[in-house]
């Protein structure tokens, strides 16, 4: 199998243009509410599949919106799920800019669901220095409310480093798996972080070799390495296994993605 056959096109130019325009308007709306600023670029960070470089045109755009630390103290002091109140405040800020768009708070994020199929998921968060660099505290309004943490820059740096070492094979594999999911198994749950974390750990030292070359001396060898890793760790799909995100080493829940991950890997190995 050669590189042209394996790689996917990623995000098309039309989708990129829509995403860029809406990203700026959403950034400005949140900055106006929380930072008294009209900036279209400050205090936001592309995270998720876009941030890790593994997005396709079907991917949602995950955006971390960094808020003043004083806002954390204020919402943390609320009795009765300050996390939910924070999500509602972010929802209200964006709704003022997109009053006819379907916008809702959903557990940990504010979902902005445009009618043309482009979807943003906004994660309000508060920067905090840590031993690993910069962590962000973000709200989880489930089960009465709590704060969780993430380090997206560490994830992005780890993905970039391994992708460079593999001559692009890491990102190509992750995007290829998304394409198979979208085209053949879209009714099944398969999260982007589960794909990216699994491939990051399972691919070992495999890499693209040469211009237009493949990752293996024999066709299918690389794909079978990935499938074997899945079968070994999951007992052929019977049990969810522990998985951590690249760089930040935070736990990744694969339980809801387990079945579809196996389906996609088996298609690749055919």
C-alpha atoms as a PDB file:
ATOM      1  CA  UNK A   1       0.000   0.000   0.000  1.00  0.00           C
ATOM      2  CA  UNK A   2       1.427   3.377  -0.928  1.00  0.00           C
ATOM      3  CA  UNK A   3       1.057   6.792   0.645  1.00  0.00           C
ATOM      4  CA  UNK A   4      -1.397   8.189  -1.918  1.00  0.00           C
ATOM      5  CA  UNK A   5      -3.794   5.287  -1.365  1.00  0.00           C
ATOM      6  CA  UNK A   6      -3.559   5.535   2.415  1.00  0.00           C
ATOM      7  CA  UNK A   7      -3.744   9.275   3.130  1.00  0.00           C
ATOM      8  CA  UNK A   8      -6.945  11.314   3.195  1.00  0.00           C
ATOM      9  CA  UNK A   9      -7.465  14.877   2.062  1.00  0.00           C
ATOM     10  CA  UNK A  10      -8.339  16.255   5.506  1.00  0.00           C
ATOM     11  CA  UNK A  11     -10.424  19.430   5.570  1.00  0.00           C
ATOM     12  CA  UNK A  12     -11.509  20.965   2.241  1.00  0.00           C
ATOM     13  CA  UNK A  13     -10.994  24.670   1.496  1.00  0.00           C
ATOM     14  CA  UNK A  14     -14.698  25.594   1.649  1.00  0.00           C
ATOM     15  CA  UNK A  15     -15.072  24.122   5.130  1.00  0.00           C
ATOM     16  CA  UNK A  16     -11.873  25.831   6.260  1.00  0.00           C
ATOM     17  CA  UNK A  17     -13.204  29.189   5.077  1.00  0.00           C
ATOM     18  CA  UNK A  18     -16.493  28.757   6.949  1.00  0.00           C
ATOM     19  CA  UNK A  19     -14.717  27.597  10.079  1.00  0.00           C
ATOM     20  CA  UNK A  20     -12.273  30.525  10.023  1.00  0.00           C
ATOM     21  CA  UNK A  21     -14.994  33.158   9.703  1.00  0.00           C
ATOM     22  CA  UNK A  22     -17.176  31.679  12.417  1.00  0.00           C
ATOM     23  CA  UNK A  23     -14.207  31.046  14.692  1.00  0.00           C
ATOM     24  CA  UNK A  24     -13.358  34.751  14.635  1.00  0.00           C
ATOM     25  CA  UNK A  25     -16.928  35.868  15.306  1.00  0.00           C
ATOM     26  CA  UNK A  26     -17.321  33.438  18.206  1.00  0.00           C
ATOM     27  CA  UNK A  27     -13.966  34.519  19.639  1.00  0.00           C
ATOM     28  CA  UNK A  28     -15.012  38.151  19.472  1.00  0.00           C
ATOM     29  CA  UNK A  29     -18.348  37.409  21.172  1.00  0.00           C
ATOM     30  CA  UNK A  30     -16.738  35.594  24.099  1.00  0.00           C
ATOM     31  CA  UNK A  31     -13.977  38.197  24.465  1.00  0.00           C
ATOM     32  CA  UNK A  32     -16.554  40.963  24.529  1.00  0.00           C
ATOM     33  CA  UNK A  33     -18.444  39.294  27.365  1.00  0.00           C
ATOM     34  CA  UNK A  34     -15.566  38.111  29.541  1.00  0.00           C
ATOM     35  CA  UNK A  35     -12.510  40.212  28.627  1.00  0.00           C
ATOM     36  CA  UNK A  36     -14.041  43.546  27.556  1.00  0.00           C
ATOM     37  CA  UNK A  37     -12.190  43.073  24.263  1.00  0.00           C
ATOM     38  CA  UNK A  38     -13.187  42.969  20.590  1.00  0.00           C
ATOM     39  CA  UNK A  39     -10.268  40.727  19.606  1.00  0.00           C
ATOM     40  CA  UNK A  40     -10.997  37.959  17.101  1.00  0.00           C
ATOM     41  CA  UNK A  41      -7.844  35.997  17.865  1.00  0.00           C
ATOM     42  CA  UNK A  42      -6.979  36.246  21.571  1.00  0.00           C
ATOM     43  CA  UNK A  43      -7.970  33.852  24.366  1.00  0.00           C
ATOM     44  CA  UNK A  44      -9.019  30.948  22.141  1.00  0.00           C
ATOM     45  CA  UNK A  45      -7.231  27.781  21.085  1.00  0.00           C
ATOM     46  CA  UNK A  46      -8.198  25.156  18.527  1.00  0.00           C
ATOM     47  CA  UNK A  47      -8.189  21.827  20.337  1.00  0.00           C
ATOM     48  CA  UNK A  48      -9.549  18.368  19.584  1.00  0.00           C
ATOM     49  CA  UNK A  49      -9.014  16.962  16.091  1.00  0.00           C
ATOM     50  CA  UNK A  50      -8.306  20.351  14.507  1.00  0.00           C
ATOM     51  CA  UNK A  51      -5.728  21.190  17.145  1.00  0.00           C
ATOM     52  CA  UNK A  52      -4.020  17.812  16.820  1.00  0.00           C
ATOM     53  CA  UNK A  53      -4.005  18.014  13.004  1.00  0.00           C
ATOM     54  CA  UNK A  54      -6.240  14.976  12.491  1.00  0.00           C
ATOM     55  CA  UNK A  55      -9.497  16.661  11.437  1.00  0.00           C
ATOM     56  CA  UNK A  56     -11.469  15.879   8.299  1.00  0.00           C
ATOM     57  CA  UNK A  57     -14.314  17.881   6.765  1.00  0.00           C
ATOM     58  CA  UNK A  58     -16.763  15.920   8.932  1.00  0.00           C
ATOM     59  CA  UNK A  59     -14.993  16.810  12.192  1.00  0.00           C
ATOM     60  CA  UNK A  60     -16.510  19.142  14.758  1.00  0.00           C
ATOM     61  CA  UNK A  61     -14.353  22.131  15.662  1.00  0.00           C
ATOM     62  CA  UNK A  62     -13.407  22.062  19.339  1.00  0.00           C
ATOM     63  CA  UNK A  63     -12.414  25.461  20.706  1.00  0.00           C
ATOM     64  CA  UNK A  64     -10.984  26.123  24.142  1.00  0.00           C
ATOM     65  CA  UNK A  65     -12.029  29.610  25.256  1.00  0.00           C
ATOM     66  CA  UNK A  66      -9.721  30.851  27.980  1.00  0.00           C
ATOM     67  CA  UNK A  67     -11.515  32.992  30.576  1.00  0.00           C
ATOM     68  CA  UNK A  68     -10.141  35.229  33.355  1.00  0.00           C
ATOM     69  CA  UNK A  69      -9.146  33.286  36.472  1.00  0.00           C
ATOM     70  CA  UNK A  70     -11.390  35.536  38.559  1.00  0.00           C
ATOM     71  CA  UNK A  71     -14.354  34.033  36.714  1.00  0.00           C
ATOM     72  CA  UNK A  72     -13.335  30.592  37.957  1.00  0.00           C
ATOM     73  CA  UNK A  73     -13.405  31.822  41.540  1.00  0.00           C
ATOM     74  CA  UNK A  74     -16.832  33.390  40.990  1.00  0.00           C
ATOM     75  CA  UNK A  75     -18.483  30.338  39.443  1.00  0.00           C
ATOM     76  CA  UNK A  76     -16.752  27.945  41.829  1.00  0.00           C
ATOM     77  CA  UNK A  77     -18.331  29.839  44.733  1.00  0.00           C
ATOM     78  CA  UNK A  78     -21.878  29.289  43.481  1.00  0.00           C
ATOM     79  CA  UNK A  79     -24.071  26.900  45.399  1.00  0.00           C
ATOM     80  CA  UNK A  80     -25.706  24.456  43.062  1.00  0.00           C
ATOM     81  CA  UNK A  81     -23.695  23.732  39.924  1.00  0.00           C
ATOM     82  CA  UNK A  82     -21.757  26.875  39.089  1.00  0.00           C
ATOM     83  CA  UNK A  83     -20.380  24.878  36.164  1.00  0.00           C
ATOM     84  CA  UNK A  84     -23.809  24.837  34.530  1.00  0.00           C
ATOM     85  CA  UNK A  85     -24.168  28.582  35.107  1.00  0.00           C
ATOM     86  CA  UNK A  86     -20.830  29.173  33.408  1.00  0.00           C
ATOM     87  CA  UNK A  87     -21.903  27.207  30.340  1.00  0.00           C
ATOM     88  CA  UNK A  88     -25.129  29.205  30.189  1.00  0.00           C
ATOM     89  CA  UNK A  89     -23.165  32.473  30.341  1.00  0.00           C
ATOM     90  CA  UNK A  90     -20.973  31.404  27.408  1.00  0.00           C
ATOM     91  CA  UNK A  91     -24.075  30.248  25.521  1.00  0.00           C
ATOM     92  CA  UNK A  92     -25.712  33.651  26.037  1.00  0.00           C
ATOM     93  CA  UNK A  93     -22.613  35.487  24.771  1.00  0.00           C
ATOM     94  CA  UNK A  94     -22.496  33.463  21.536  1.00  0.00           C
ATOM     95  CA  UNK A  95     -26.285  33.571  21.070  1.00  0.00           C
ATOM     96  CA  UNK A  96     -26.093  37.357  20.857  1.00  0.00           C
ATOM     97  CA  UNK A  97     -23.952  36.970  17.734  1.00  0.00           C
ATOM     98  CA  UNK A  98     -25.825  33.971  16.277  1.00  0.00           C
ATOM     99  CA  UNK A  99     -29.439  34.434  17.489  1.00  0.00           C
ATOM    100  CA  UNK A 100     -30.956  32.048  14.909  1.00  0.00           C
ATOM    101  CA  UNK A 101     -28.425  29.251  15.366  1.00  0.00           C
ATOM    102  CA  UNK A 102     -29.038  26.165  17.485  1.00  0.00           C
ATOM    103  CA  UNK A 103     -26.844  26.715  20.563  1.00  0.00           C
ATOM    104  CA  UNK A 104     -26.996  24.563  23.684  1.00  0.00           C
ATOM    105  CA  UNK A 105     -25.021  23.708  26.796  1.00  0.00           C
ATOM    106  CA  UNK A 106     -24.070  20.031  26.842  1.00  0.00           C
ATOM    107  CA  UNK A 107     -22.260  18.709  29.899  1.00  0.00           C
ATOM    108  CA  UNK A 108     -18.802  20.180  29.452  1.00  0.00           C
ATOM    109  CA  UNK A 109     -19.195  22.323  26.346  1.00  0.00           C
ATOM    110  CA  UNK A 110     -21.406  24.808  24.556  1.00  0.00           C
ATOM    111  CA  UNK A 111     -22.441  23.355  21.194  1.00  0.00           C
ATOM    112  CA  UNK A 112     -22.967  25.755  18.279  1.00  0.00           C
ATOM    113  CA  UNK A 113     -24.753  23.695  15.632  1.00  0.00           C
ATOM    114  CA  UNK A 114     -24.951  25.538  12.305  1.00  0.00           C
ATOM    115  CA  UNK A 115     -27.643  24.567   9.810  1.00  0.00           C
ATOM    116  CA  UNK A 116     -25.089  23.633   7.116  1.00  0.00           C
ATOM    117  CA  UNK A 117     -23.622  20.867   9.271  1.00  0.00           C
ATOM    118  CA  UNK A 118     -20.610  22.721  10.678  1.00  0.00           C
ATOM    119  CA  UNK A 119     -20.515  22.287  14.451  1.00  0.00           C
ATOM    120  CA  UNK A 120     -18.435  24.070  17.079  1.00  0.00           C
ATOM    121  CA  UNK A 121     -17.947  22.764  20.596  1.00  0.00           C
ATOM    122  CA  UNK A 122     -16.765  25.502  22.958  1.00  0.00           C
ATOM    123  CA  UNK A 123     -14.908  24.507  26.103  1.00  0.00           C
ATOM    124  CA  UNK A 124     -14.691  27.388  28.607  1.00  0.00           C
ATOM    125  CA  UNK A 125     -11.517  26.986  30.642  1.00  0.00           C
ATOM    126  CA  UNK A 126      -9.169  28.716  33.070  1.00  0.00           C
ATOM    127  CA  UNK A 127      -5.388  28.595  32.695  1.00  0.00           C
ATOM    128  CA  UNK A 128      -3.316  27.296  35.589  1.00  0.00           C
ATOM    129  CA  UNK A 129       0.455  26.801  35.738  1.00  0.00           C
ATOM    130  CA  UNK A 130       1.550  23.250  36.490  1.00  0.00           C
ATOM    131  CA  UNK A 131       4.613  21.019  36.411  1.00  0.00           C
ATOM    132  CA  UNK A 132       3.675  19.979  32.860  1.00  0.00           C
ATOM    133  CA  UNK A 133       3.443  23.557  31.589  1.00  0.00           C
ATOM    134  CA  UNK A 134      -0.067  24.997  31.413  1.00  0.00           C
ATOM    135  CA  UNK A 135      -3.145  23.113  32.493  1.00  0.00           C
ATOM    136  CA  UNK A 136      -6.700  24.353  32.060  1.00  0.00           C
ATOM    137  CA  UNK A 137      -9.565  23.786  34.484  1.00  0.00           C
ATOM    138  CA  UNK A 138     -12.897  23.341  32.727  1.00  0.00           C
ATOM    139  CA  UNK A 139     -16.478  22.708  33.868  1.00  0.00           C
ATOM    140  CA  UNK A 140     -18.370  19.451  33.957  1.00  0.00           C
ATOM    141  CA  UNK A 141     -22.014  20.183  34.774  1.00  0.00           C
ATOM    142  CA  UNK A 142     -22.932  16.501  35.140  1.00  0.00           C
ATOM    143  CA  UNK A 143     -23.659  14.936  38.536  1.00  0.00           C
ATOM    144  CA  UNK A 144     -24.088  18.237  40.313  1.00  0.00           C
ATOM    145  CA  UNK A 145     -21.031  19.920  38.817  1.00  0.00           C
ATOM    146  CA  UNK A 146     -17.253  19.579  39.146  1.00  0.00           C
ATOM    147  CA  UNK A 147     -14.028  20.854  37.598  1.00  0.00           C
ATOM    148  CA  UNK A 148     -11.780  18.760  35.353  1.00  0.00           C
ATOM    149  CA  UNK A 149      -8.416  19.576  33.815  1.00  0.00           C
ATOM    150  CA  UNK A 150      -6.746  19.286  30.423  1.00  0.00           C
ATOM    151  CA  UNK A 151      -3.440  20.164  28.763  1.00  0.00           C
ATOM    152  CA  UNK A 152      -4.155  20.474  25.020  1.00  0.00           C
ATOM    153  CA  UNK A 153      -0.817  22.061  24.123  1.00  0.00           C
ATOM    154  CA  UNK A 154       1.023  19.036  25.505  1.00  0.00           C
ATOM    155  CA  UNK A 155      -1.180  16.780  23.355  1.00  0.00           C
ATOM    156  CA  UNK A 156      -0.544  18.854  20.250  1.00  0.00           C
ATOM    157  CA  UNK A 157       3.218  18.955  20.810  1.00  0.00           C
ATOM    158  CA  UNK A 158       3.400  15.187  21.300  1.00  0.00           C
ATOM    159  CA  UNK A 159       1.332  14.514  18.172  1.00  0.00           C
ATOM    160  CA  UNK A 160       3.501  16.847  16.093  1.00  0.00           C
ATOM    161  CA  UNK A 161       6.727  15.303  17.343  1.00  0.00           C
ATOM    162  CA  UNK A 162       5.625  11.742  16.571  1.00  0.00           C
ATOM    163  CA  UNK A 163       4.105  12.739  13.244  1.00  0.00           C
ATOM    164  CA  UNK A 164       7.394  14.345  12.211  1.00  0.00           C
ATOM    165  CA  UNK A 165       9.284  11.218  13.278  1.00  0.00           C
ATOM    166  CA  UNK A 166       6.906   9.030  11.242  1.00  0.00           C
ATOM    167  CA  UNK A 167       7.127  11.222   8.127  1.00  0.00           C
ATOM    168  CA  UNK A 168       3.421  12.018   8.427  1.00  0.00           C
ATOM    169  CA  UNK A 169       2.168   8.466   8.971  1.00  0.00           C
ATOM    170  CA  UNK A 170       0.574   9.258  12.349  1.00  0.00           C
ATOM    171  CA  UNK A 171      -1.776  11.968  11.066  1.00  0.00           C
ATOM    172  CA  UNK A 172      -2.475  10.118   7.809  1.00  0.00           C
ATOM    173  CA  UNK A 173      -3.543   7.037   9.780  1.00  0.00           C
ATOM    174  CA  UNK A 174      -5.808   9.000  12.116  1.00  0.00           C
ATOM    175  CA  UNK A 175      -7.516  10.811   9.235  1.00  0.00           C
ATOM    176  CA  UNK A 176      -7.877   7.585   7.256  1.00  0.00           C
ATOM    177  CA  UNK A 177      -9.622   5.953  10.220  1.00  0.00           C
ATOM    178  CA  UNK A 178     -12.012   8.895  10.499  1.00  0.00           C
ATOM    179  CA  UNK A 179     -12.846   8.533   6.815  1.00  0.00           C
ATOM    180  CA  UNK A 180     -13.665   4.838   7.215  1.00  0.00           C
ATOM    181  CA  UNK A 181     -15.817   5.627  10.241  1.00  0.00           C
ATOM    182  CA  UNK A 182     -17.710   8.399   8.426  1.00  0.00           C
ATOM    183  CA  UNK A 183     -18.276   6.355   5.267  1.00  0.00           C
ATOM    184  CA  UNK A 184     -19.045   2.926   6.716  1.00  0.00           C
ATOM    185  CA  UNK A 185     -19.819   3.091  10.423  1.00  0.00           C
ATOM    186  CA  UNK A 186     -21.238   6.547  11.077  1.00  0.00           C
ATOM    187  CA  UNK A 187     -24.027   5.152  13.277  1.00  0.00           C
ATOM    188  CA  UNK A 188     -21.390   3.917  15.745  1.00  0.00           C
ATOM    189  CA  UNK A 189     -19.640   6.078  18.324  1.00  0.00           C
ATOM    190  CA  UNK A 190     -15.915   6.591  17.721  1.00  0.00           C
ATOM    191  CA  UNK A 191     -14.320   9.604  19.366  1.00  0.00           C
ATOM    192  CA  UNK A 192     -11.415  11.463  17.801  1.00  0.00           C
ATOM    193  CA  UNK A 193      -9.289  11.333  20.939  1.00  0.00           C
ATOM    194  CA  UNK A 194      -9.752   7.544  21.095  1.00  0.00           C
ATOM    195  CA  UNK A 195      -8.484   7.219  17.498  1.00  0.00           C
ATOM    196  CA  UNK A 196      -5.541   9.565  17.956  1.00  0.00           C
ATOM    197  CA  UNK A 197      -4.454   8.137  21.313  1.00  0.00           C
ATOM    198  CA  UNK A 198      -4.724   4.542  20.125  1.00  0.00           C
ATOM    199  CA  UNK A 199      -2.694   5.106  16.956  1.00  0.00           C
ATOM    200  CA  UNK A 200      -0.112   7.214  18.804  1.00  0.00           C
ATOM    201  CA  UNK A 201       0.623   4.360  21.223  1.00  0.00           C
ATOM    202  CA  UNK A 202       0.060   1.383  18.903  1.00  0.00           C
ATOM    203  CA  UNK A 203       2.067   2.403  15.826  1.00  0.00           C
ATOM    204  CA  UNK A 204       5.462   2.088  17.478  1.00  0.00           C
ATOM    205  CA  UNK A 205       8.297   3.205  15.202  1.00  0.00           C
ATOM    206  CA  UNK A 206       6.475   2.725  11.892  1.00  0.00           C
ATOM    207  CA  UNK A 207       6.931   5.537   9.398  1.00  0.00           C
ATOM    208  CA  UNK A 208       6.424   6.431   5.741  1.00  0.00           C
ATOM    209  CA  UNK A 209       9.509   5.590   3.702  1.00  0.00           C
ATOM    210  CA  UNK A 210      10.492   7.560   0.628  1.00  0.00           C
ATOM    211  CA  UNK A 211       8.387   9.641  -1.746  1.00  0.00           C
ATOM    212  CA  UNK A 212       5.180   7.723  -2.473  1.00  0.00           C
ATOM    213  CA  UNK A 213       6.451   4.779  -0.455  1.00  0.00           C
ATOM    214  CA  UNK A 214       4.672   2.709   2.146  1.00  0.00           C
ATOM    215  CA  UNK A 215       5.184   1.968   5.822  1.00  0.00           C
ATOM    216  CA  UNK A 216       5.931  -1.718   5.362  1.00  0.00           C
ATOM    217  CA  UNK A 217       8.000  -4.146   3.352  1.00  0.00           C
ATOM    218  CA  UNK A 218       4.889  -6.245   2.740  1.00  0.00           C
ATOM    219  CA  UNK A 219       1.346  -4.952   2.049  1.00  0.00           C
ATOM    220  CA  UNK A 220      -0.896  -4.850   5.109  1.00  0.00           C
ATOM    221  CA  UNK A 221       1.851  -5.363   7.680  1.00  0.00           C
ATOM    222  CA  UNK A 222       1.385  -1.995   9.358  1.00  0.00           C
ATOM    223  CA  UNK A 223      -2.402  -2.267   9.415  1.00  0.00           C
ATOM    224  CA  UNK A 224      -2.148  -5.695  11.010  1.00  0.00           C
ATOM    225  CA  UNK A 225       0.171  -4.334  13.682  1.00  0.00           C
ATOM    226  CA  UNK A 226      -2.556  -1.881  14.659  1.00  0.00           C
ATOM    227  CA  UNK A 227      -5.247  -4.576  14.607  1.00  0.00           C
ATOM    228  CA  UNK A 228      -3.080  -6.956  16.653  1.00  0.00           C
ATOM    229  CA  UNK A 229      -2.538  -4.227  19.244  1.00  0.00           C
ATOM    230  CA  UNK A 230      -6.297  -3.722  19.499  1.00  0.00           C
ATOM    231  CA  UNK A 231      -7.026  -7.450  19.751  1.00  0.00           C
ATOM    232  CA  UNK A 232      -4.346  -7.991  22.388  1.00  0.00           C
ATOM    233  CA  UNK A 233      -5.387  -5.072  24.580  1.00  0.00           C
ATOM    234  CA  UNK A 234      -9.142  -5.665  24.281  1.00  0.00           C
ATOM    235  CA  UNK A 235      -9.216  -9.494  24.191  1.00  0.00           C
ATOM    236  CA  UNK A 236     -10.547  -9.316  20.624  1.00  0.00           C
ATOM    237  CA  UNK A 237     -12.957  -6.519  21.444  1.00  0.00           C
ATOM    238  CA  UNK A 238     -14.441  -7.978  24.635  1.00  0.00           C
ATOM    239  CA  UNK A 239     -13.021  -5.511  27.163  1.00  0.00           C
ATOM    240  CA  UNK A 240     -12.307  -1.790  27.188  1.00  0.00           C
ATOM    241  CA  UNK A 241      -8.641  -1.127  27.883  1.00  0.00           C
ATOM    242  CA  UNK A 242      -6.815   1.726  29.547  1.00  0.00           C
ATOM    243  CA  UNK A 243      -5.584   4.453  27.221  1.00  0.00           C
ATOM    244  CA  UNK A 244      -3.944   7.828  27.808  1.00  0.00           C
ATOM    245  CA  UNK A 245      -3.819  10.911  25.634  1.00  0.00           C
ATOM    246  CA  UNK A 246      -0.526  11.863  23.955  1.00  0.00           C
ATOM    247  CA  UNK A 247       1.633  14.292  25.877  1.00  0.00           C
ATOM    248  CA  UNK A 248      -0.764  15.078  28.710  1.00  0.00           C
ATOM    249  CA  UNK A 249      -1.161  11.386  29.669  1.00  0.00           C
ATOM    250  CA  UNK A 250      -4.731  11.963  30.772  1.00  0.00           C
ATOM    251  CA  UNK A 251      -7.123   8.976  30.811  1.00  0.00           C
ATOM    252  CA  UNK A 252      -9.137   8.389  27.642  1.00  0.00           C
ATOM    253  CA  UNK A 253     -12.432   6.522  27.954  1.00  0.00           C
ATOM    254  CA  UNK A 254     -12.603   3.980  25.121  1.00  0.00           C
ATOM    255  CA  UNK A 255     -15.648   2.055  26.355  1.00  0.00           C
ATOM    256  CA  UNK A 256     -18.168   3.687  23.983  1.00  0.00           C
ATOM    257  CA  UNK A 257     -15.689   3.674  21.055  1.00  0.00           C
ATOM    258  CA  UNK A 258     -14.401   0.124  21.504  1.00  0.00           C
ATOM    259  CA  UNK A 259     -16.713  -1.689  19.086  1.00  0.00           C
ATOM    260  CA  UNK A 260     -16.328   0.782  16.235  1.00  0.00           C
ATOM    261  CA  UNK A 261     -12.573   1.051  16.703  1.00  0.00           C
ATOM    262  CA  UNK A 262     -12.335  -2.682  16.084  1.00  0.00           C
ATOM    263  CA  UNK A 263     -14.581  -2.457  13.004  1.00  0.00           C
ATOM    264  CA  UNK A 264     -12.458   0.286  11.459  1.00  0.00           C
ATOM    265  CA  UNK A 265      -9.186  -1.530  12.152  1.00  0.00           C
ATOM    266  CA  UNK A 266     -10.518  -4.747  10.623  1.00  0.00           C
ATOM    267  CA  UNK A 267     -11.490  -2.888   7.451  1.00  0.00           C
ATOM    268  CA  UNK A 268      -7.984  -1.417   7.242  1.00  0.00           C
ATOM    269  CA  UNK A 269      -6.412  -4.851   7.627  1.00  0.00           C
ATOM    270  CA  UNK A 270      -8.527  -6.490   4.911  1.00  0.00           C
END
